[in-house]
N, C-alpha and C. Protein backbone atom coordinates (compact mmCIF):
# COMPACT_ATOMS: atom_id res chain seq x y z
N MET A 1 13.70 -5.15 23.88
CA MET A 1 12.77 -5.89 23.65
C MET A 1 11.21 -5.66 23.74
N ALA A 2 11.18 -4.54 24.65
CA ALA A 2 9.56 -4.01 24.58
C ALA A 2 9.36 -3.09 23.27
N SER A 3 10.37 -2.53 22.65
CA SER A 3 10.12 -1.67 21.67
C SER A 3 9.95 -2.44 20.42
N ARG A 4 10.55 -3.67 20.40
CA ARG A 4 10.20 -4.70 19.29
C ARG A 4 8.84 -5.16 19.40
N LEU A 5 8.16 -5.22 20.78
CA LEU A 5 7.09 -5.94 20.69
C LEU A 5 6.00 -4.91 20.41
N ALA A 6 6.33 -3.60 20.88
CA ALA A 6 5.39 -2.38 20.68
C ALA A 6 5.45 -2.54 18.94
N PHE A 7 6.68 -2.33 18.23
CA PHE A 7 6.61 -2.02 16.85
C PHE A 7 5.72 -3.28 16.35
N ALA A 8 5.89 -4.70 16.71
CA ALA A 8 5.36 -5.76 16.16
C ALA A 8 3.64 -5.44 16.43
N VAL A 9 3.26 -4.98 17.62
CA VAL A 9 1.88 -4.68 17.74
C VAL A 9 1.39 -3.73 16.99
N ILE A 10 2.11 -2.58 16.78
CA ILE A 10 1.69 -1.66 15.63
C ILE A 10 1.52 -2.06 14.08
N LEU A 11 2.39 -2.95 13.81
CA LEU A 11 2.22 -3.45 12.38
C LEU A 11 0.97 -4.04 12.24
N LEU A 12 0.99 -5.15 13.46
CA LEU A 12 -0.15 -5.86 13.25
C LEU A 12 -1.83 -5.30 13.34
N LEU A 13 -1.98 -3.93 14.02
CA LEU A 13 -2.82 -3.29 14.00
C LEU A 13 -3.07 -2.70 12.87
N LEU A 14 -1.85 -2.15 12.09
CA LEU A 14 -1.97 -1.25 10.69
C LEU A 14 -2.47 -2.53 9.70
N ALA A 15 -2.19 -3.79 9.87
CA ALA A 15 -2.51 -4.66 8.94
C ALA A 15 -4.00 -4.95 9.26
N THR A 16 -4.55 -5.02 10.26
CA THR A 16 -5.82 -5.42 10.62
C THR A 16 -6.69 -4.22 10.29
N PHE A 17 -6.26 -3.09 10.60
CA PHE A 17 -7.02 -2.01 9.75
C PHE A 17 -6.97 -1.78 8.64
N SER A 18 -5.94 -2.08 7.70
CA SER A 18 -5.89 -2.07 6.25
C SER A 18 -7.03 -3.29 5.88
N SER A 19 -6.89 -4.46 6.70
CA SER A 19 -7.60 -5.50 6.01
C SER A 19 -9.35 -4.90 6.23
N TYR A 20 -9.59 -4.25 7.48
CA TYR A 20 -10.85 -4.04 7.84
C TYR A 20 -11.33 -2.78 6.56
N ALA A 21 -10.59 -1.94 6.40
CA ALA A 21 -10.90 -0.93 5.33
C ALA A 21 -11.09 -1.60 3.79
N HIS A 22 -10.64 -2.62 3.48
CA HIS A 22 -10.69 -3.19 2.30
C HIS A 22 -11.78 -4.22 2.36
N ASP A 23 -12.16 -4.74 3.60
CA ASP A 23 -13.64 -5.56 3.47
C ASP A 23 -14.91 -4.69 3.65
N SER A 24 -14.41 -3.20 4.41
CA SER A 24 -15.45 -2.25 4.01
C SER A 24 -15.68 -1.80 2.59
N ASP A 25 -14.76 -1.71 2.03
CA ASP A 25 -15.18 -1.21 0.51
C ASP A 25 -15.63 -2.33 -0.21
N ARG A 26 -15.13 -3.47 0.16
CA ARG A 26 -15.81 -4.42 -0.74
C ARG A 26 -17.53 -4.61 -0.56
N ILE A 27 -17.73 -4.40 0.82
CA ILE A 27 -19.23 -4.63 1.16
C ILE A 27 -19.73 -3.68 0.62
N GLU A 28 -19.34 -2.28 0.47
CA GLU A 28 -19.88 -1.29 -0.03
C GLU A 28 -20.36 -1.63 -1.58
N GLN A 29 -19.27 -1.94 -2.28
CA GLN A 29 -19.37 -2.54 -3.62
C GLN A 29 -20.18 -3.64 -3.69
N LEU A 30 -20.56 -4.55 -3.12
CA LEU A 30 -21.48 -5.70 -3.41
C LEU A 30 -23.08 -5.02 -3.08
N GLU A 31 -23.00 -4.25 -1.97
CA GLU A 31 -24.44 -3.45 -1.63
C GLU A 31 -24.77 -2.84 -2.94
N ARG A 32 -24.16 -2.13 -3.45
CA ARG A 32 -24.37 -1.49 -4.92
C ARG A 32 -25.06 -2.30 -5.89
N GLU A 33 -23.75 -3.58 -6.02
CA GLU A 33 -24.19 -4.59 -7.07
C GLU A 33 -25.65 -5.14 -6.80
N LEU A 34 -25.81 -5.36 -5.59
CA LEU A 34 -26.97 -6.00 -5.07
C LEU A 34 -28.25 -5.17 -5.63
N GLN A 35 -28.35 -3.70 -5.39
CA GLN A 35 -29.30 -2.80 -5.27
C GLN A 35 -29.35 -2.75 -6.98
N GLU A 36 -28.38 -2.80 -7.87
CA GLU A 36 -28.36 -2.89 -9.43
C GLU A 36 -29.05 -4.30 -9.76
N THR A 37 -28.70 -5.31 -9.38
CA THR A 37 -29.14 -6.64 -9.58
C THR A 37 -30.81 -6.80 -9.28
N LYS A 38 -31.09 -6.03 -8.16
CA LYS A 38 -32.81 -5.70 -7.89
C LYS A 38 -33.49 -5.16 -8.82
N GLN A 39 -32.76 -4.12 -9.15
CA GLN A 39 -33.48 -3.27 -10.19
C GLN A 39 -33.77 -4.20 -11.51
N ARG A 40 -32.43 -4.65 -11.99
CA ARG A 40 -32.40 -5.60 -13.03
C ARG A 40 -33.82 -6.42 -13.06
N LEU A 41 -33.81 -7.31 -12.08
CA LEU A 41 -34.65 -8.42 -11.67
C LEU A 41 -35.99 -7.57 -11.67
N SER A 42 -36.38 -6.44 -11.42
CA SER A 42 -37.59 -5.79 -11.47
C SER A 42 -38.08 -5.61 -12.80
N ILE A 43 -37.17 -5.14 -13.43
CA ILE A 43 -37.32 -4.78 -14.79
C ILE A 43 -37.48 -6.13 -15.66
N LEU A 44 -36.76 -7.06 -15.36
CA LEU A 44 -37.28 -8.50 -16.25
C LEU A 44 -38.61 -8.99 -15.64
N GLU A 45 -38.86 -9.06 -14.23
CA GLU A 45 -40.13 -9.50 -14.10
C GLU A 45 -41.48 -8.87 -14.66
N SER A 46 -41.03 -7.09 -14.84
CA SER A 46 -42.12 -6.44 -15.53
C SER A 46 -42.18 -6.72 -16.88
N MET A 47 -41.23 -7.03 -17.68
CA MET A 47 -41.13 -7.44 -18.94
C MET A 47 -41.82 -9.24 -19.09
N LEU A 48 -41.67 -9.91 -18.19
CA LEU A 48 -42.30 -11.35 -18.16
C LEU A 48 -43.86 -10.90 -17.95
N LYS A 49 -44.17 -10.04 -17.21
CA LYS A 49 -45.94 -9.75 -16.71
C LYS A 49 -46.09 -9.20 -18.16
N ASP A 50 -45.52 -8.14 -18.69
CA ASP A 50 -45.99 -7.41 -19.77
C ASP A 50 -46.16 -8.40 -21.12
N LYS A 51 -45.65 -9.57 -21.13
CA LYS A 51 -45.82 -10.56 -22.23
C LYS A 51 -47.39 -11.39 -21.79
N LYS A 52 -47.50 -11.53 -20.56
CA LYS A 52 -48.78 -12.26 -20.25
C LYS A 52 -49.79 -11.50 -20.55
N ASP A 53 -49.76 -9.86 -19.93
CA ASP A 53 -50.76 -9.16 -19.90
C ASP A 53 -51.26 -8.52 -21.34
N ASP A 54 -50.38 -8.53 -22.23
CA ASP A 54 -50.72 -7.89 -23.54
C ASP A 54 -52.08 -8.16 -24.07
N LYS A 55 -52.28 -9.27 -23.86
CA LYS A 55 -53.73 -9.74 -24.38
C LYS A 55 -54.81 -8.99 -23.44
N GLU A 56 -54.79 -8.36 -22.27
CA GLU A 56 -55.65 -7.65 -21.47
C GLU A 56 -55.65 -6.34 -21.48
N LEU A 57 -54.90 -5.81 -22.47
CA LEU A 57 -55.14 -4.26 -22.76
C LEU A 57 -55.88 -3.87 -23.56
N VAL A 58 -56.46 -2.65 -23.12
CA VAL A 58 -57.47 -2.33 -24.28
C VAL A 58 -56.39 -1.60 -25.52
N LYS A 59 -56.91 -1.80 -26.41
CA LYS A 59 -56.04 -1.77 -27.54
C LYS A 59 -56.66 -0.59 -28.48
N THR A 60 -56.81 0.55 -28.01
CA THR A 60 -57.10 1.82 -28.51
C THR A 60 -56.05 3.20 -28.00
N ASP A 61 -56.05 4.15 -29.19
CA ASP A 61 -55.51 5.12 -28.63
C ASP A 61 -55.97 5.80 -27.10
N GLN A 62 -56.99 5.25 -26.77
CA GLN A 62 -57.73 5.74 -25.42
C GLN A 62 -57.14 4.98 -24.20
N GLY A 63 -55.73 4.11 -24.24
CA GLY A 63 -55.55 3.28 -23.34
C GLY A 63 -55.56 3.87 -21.99
N ARG A 64 -55.17 5.19 -21.80
CA ARG A 64 -55.28 5.81 -20.60
C ARG A 64 -56.39 5.90 -19.77
N LYS A 65 -57.83 5.59 -20.64
CA LYS A 65 -59.20 5.96 -19.98
C LYS A 65 -59.15 4.47 -19.14
N SER A 66 -58.68 3.28 -19.50
CA SER A 66 -59.04 2.10 -18.91
C SER A 66 -57.98 1.96 -17.95
N VAL A 67 -59.02 1.52 -16.68
CA VAL A 67 -58.19 1.11 -15.16
C VAL A 67 -57.60 0.22 -15.32
N ALA A 68 -58.07 -0.89 -16.13
CA ALA A 68 -57.30 -2.17 -16.49
C ALA A 68 -56.00 -2.03 -16.88
N ASN A 69 -55.39 -0.85 -18.05
CA ASN A 69 -54.47 -0.88 -18.32
C ASN A 69 -53.60 -0.21 -17.26
N TRP A 70 -54.07 0.83 -16.32
CA TRP A 70 -53.33 1.47 -15.41
C TRP A 70 -52.94 0.43 -14.23
N ARG A 71 -53.72 -0.73 -14.39
CA ARG A 71 -53.46 -1.75 -13.31
C ARG A 71 -52.03 -2.49 -13.77
N ASN A 72 -52.04 -2.68 -15.22
CA ASN A 72 -50.91 -3.24 -15.94
C ASN A 72 -49.52 -2.90 -15.65
N LEU A 73 -49.68 -1.23 -14.85
CA LEU A 73 -48.41 -0.67 -14.95
C LEU A 73 -47.39 -1.34 -13.76
N ALA A 74 -46.30 -1.12 -13.92
CA ALA A 74 -45.15 -1.69 -12.96
C ALA A 74 -43.94 -1.04 -12.68
N THR A 75 -43.54 -0.66 -11.46
CA THR A 75 -42.29 -0.05 -11.57
C THR A 75 -41.15 -0.86 -12.33
N GLY A 76 -40.54 0.18 -12.71
CA GLY A 76 -38.95 -0.61 -13.70
C GLY A 76 -39.43 -0.54 -15.08
N MET A 77 -40.61 -0.25 -15.51
CA MET A 77 -41.00 -0.40 -16.83
C MET A 77 -40.40 0.76 -17.70
N GLY A 78 -39.95 0.73 -18.84
CA GLY A 78 -39.46 1.64 -19.57
C GLY A 78 -40.72 2.60 -20.02
N PRO A 79 -40.19 3.87 -20.74
CA PRO A 79 -41.15 4.73 -21.24
C PRO A 79 -41.96 4.03 -22.61
N ARG A 80 -41.37 3.59 -23.43
CA ARG A 80 -41.98 2.63 -24.49
C ARG A 80 -43.04 1.77 -23.77
N ARG A 81 -42.87 0.82 -22.99
CA ARG A 81 -43.93 0.15 -22.52
C ARG A 81 -44.82 0.91 -21.85
N VAL A 82 -44.69 2.09 -20.97
CA VAL A 82 -45.77 2.76 -20.51
C VAL A 82 -46.63 3.42 -21.74
N GLN A 83 -46.07 3.93 -22.72
CA GLN A 83 -46.50 4.42 -23.58
C GLN A 83 -47.65 3.54 -24.24
N LYS A 84 -46.91 2.24 -24.69
CA LYS A 84 -47.71 1.26 -25.39
C LYS A 84 -49.21 0.89 -24.68
N ILE A 85 -49.01 1.15 -23.35
CA ILE A 85 -50.27 0.57 -22.15
C ILE A 85 -51.20 1.97 -22.30
N LEU A 86 -50.82 2.97 -22.03
CA LEU A 86 -51.23 4.31 -21.89
C LEU A 86 -51.72 5.14 -23.22
N GLY A 87 -50.69 4.90 -24.03
CA GLY A 87 -50.53 6.06 -25.10
C GLY A 87 -50.02 7.18 -24.93
N TYR A 88 -50.08 8.24 -25.89
CA TYR A 88 -49.01 9.39 -25.58
C TYR A 88 -49.74 10.25 -24.64
N PRO A 89 -48.82 10.77 -23.83
CA PRO A 89 -49.16 11.67 -22.76
C PRO A 89 -49.64 13.00 -23.17
N GLN A 90 -50.11 13.78 -22.48
CA GLN A 90 -50.72 15.21 -23.20
C GLN A 90 -49.51 16.26 -22.79
N LYS A 91 -48.69 15.79 -22.00
CA LYS A 91 -47.45 16.67 -21.43
C LYS A 91 -46.33 16.04 -20.84
N VAL A 92 -45.17 16.27 -21.10
CA VAL A 92 -43.92 15.84 -20.53
C VAL A 92 -43.07 16.89 -19.97
N ASP A 93 -42.68 16.50 -18.70
CA ASP A 93 -41.85 17.52 -18.02
C ASP A 93 -40.81 16.52 -17.86
N GLY A 94 -39.26 16.72 -18.26
CA GLY A 94 -38.28 16.29 -17.93
C GLY A 94 -37.68 15.17 -18.95
N ALA A 95 -36.69 14.58 -18.79
CA ALA A 95 -36.26 13.52 -19.91
C ALA A 95 -36.12 12.13 -18.91
N ARG A 96 -34.98 11.76 -18.26
CA ARG A 96 -34.58 10.86 -17.73
C ARG A 96 -35.50 10.54 -16.15
N ASN A 97 -35.59 11.80 -15.48
CA ASN A 97 -36.32 12.06 -14.56
C ASN A 97 -37.84 12.85 -14.92
N ALA A 98 -38.78 12.18 -15.47
CA ALA A 98 -39.82 12.57 -16.17
C ALA A 98 -41.21 12.64 -15.54
N THR A 99 -42.02 13.53 -15.60
CA THR A 99 -43.08 13.47 -15.24
C THR A 99 -44.19 13.56 -16.72
N TRP A 100 -44.95 12.31 -16.62
CA TRP A 100 -46.26 12.53 -17.93
C TRP A 100 -47.35 13.03 -17.47
N TYR A 101 -47.99 13.79 -17.98
CA TYR A 101 -49.37 14.08 -17.66
C TYR A 101 -50.35 13.55 -18.75
N TYR A 102 -51.49 13.11 -18.37
CA TYR A 102 -52.39 12.70 -19.17
C TYR A 102 -53.50 13.31 -19.13
N LYS A 103 -54.31 13.50 -20.40
CA LYS A 103 -55.57 14.22 -20.57
C LYS A 103 -56.54 14.16 -19.03
N ASP A 104 -56.94 13.37 -18.87
CA ASP A 104 -57.93 12.94 -17.85
C ASP A 104 -57.57 13.05 -16.11
N GLY A 105 -55.93 13.52 -16.33
CA GLY A 105 -55.54 13.65 -14.84
C GLY A 105 -54.45 12.61 -14.48
N GLY A 106 -54.40 11.62 -15.22
CA GLY A 106 -53.50 10.61 -14.77
C GLY A 106 -52.12 10.96 -14.98
N ILE A 107 -51.16 10.70 -13.92
CA ILE A 107 -49.81 11.36 -13.67
C ILE A 107 -48.92 9.77 -13.74
N VAL A 108 -47.81 9.77 -14.65
CA VAL A 108 -46.79 9.07 -14.52
C VAL A 108 -45.35 9.61 -14.45
N LYS A 109 -44.53 8.92 -13.48
CA LYS A 109 -43.19 9.64 -13.08
C LYS A 109 -42.29 8.56 -13.43
N PHE A 110 -41.34 8.83 -13.83
CA PHE A 110 -40.10 8.36 -14.27
C PHE A 110 -38.68 8.74 -13.26
N ASN A 111 -37.97 7.58 -12.85
CA ASN A 111 -36.70 8.01 -12.22
C ASN A 111 -35.67 7.28 -12.85
N ASP A 112 -34.53 7.86 -13.38
CA ASP A 112 -33.61 7.48 -14.28
C ASP A 112 -34.02 6.61 -15.31
N GLY A 113 -35.07 7.09 -15.91
CA GLY A 113 -35.52 6.43 -17.15
C GLY A 113 -36.40 5.11 -16.84
N TYR A 114 -36.71 4.72 -15.61
CA TYR A 114 -37.69 3.74 -15.41
C TYR A 114 -38.94 4.12 -14.54
N LEU A 115 -39.96 3.51 -14.70
CA LEU A 115 -41.26 3.88 -14.02
C LEU A 115 -41.10 3.70 -12.66
N SER A 116 -41.42 4.83 -11.72
CA SER A 116 -41.34 4.69 -10.39
C SER A 116 -42.54 4.75 -9.80
N SER A 117 -43.49 5.92 -10.22
CA SER A 117 -44.72 5.81 -9.52
C SER A 117 -45.58 6.50 -10.64
N TRP A 118 -46.92 6.22 -10.24
CA TRP A 118 -48.19 6.96 -11.02
C TRP A 118 -49.46 6.98 -10.19
N SER A 119 -50.05 7.97 -10.76
CA SER A 119 -51.63 8.26 -10.00
C SER A 119 -52.65 8.22 -11.15
N VAL A 120 -53.52 7.05 -10.91
CA VAL A 120 -54.75 6.80 -11.97
C VAL A 120 -55.75 8.00 -11.89
N PRO A 121 -55.91 8.24 -13.28
CA PRO A 121 -57.20 9.37 -13.06
C PRO A 121 -58.53 9.14 -12.48
N GLU A 122 -58.99 9.89 -12.14
CA GLU A 122 -60.41 9.48 -11.09
C GLU A 122 -61.47 9.81 -12.27
């Protein structure tokens, strides 16, 4: 009788542990999906902002010289959008994790193909 009870308890513990492991994996998957969704949302927000701010951009090949243009940058933007705002960089290091250098000292950094940080020229 005691051995049956011990066996039943062991089976119950194994089932509980298996369920916990499955739940833990599912939570990790949901957290990853949440991060991806947040990144997509940030990109969409920047695209909406881009549409609104297009009229405020300095429309010359000297976009990098305009502080207003630098203020229109937002994390999550793609390289094409950044190039539309600031113009062509003087130097580019890297590809998806790239750093763009502008003639007047401005620096733009991309992480996984999306704008992650920048420093405005002085």
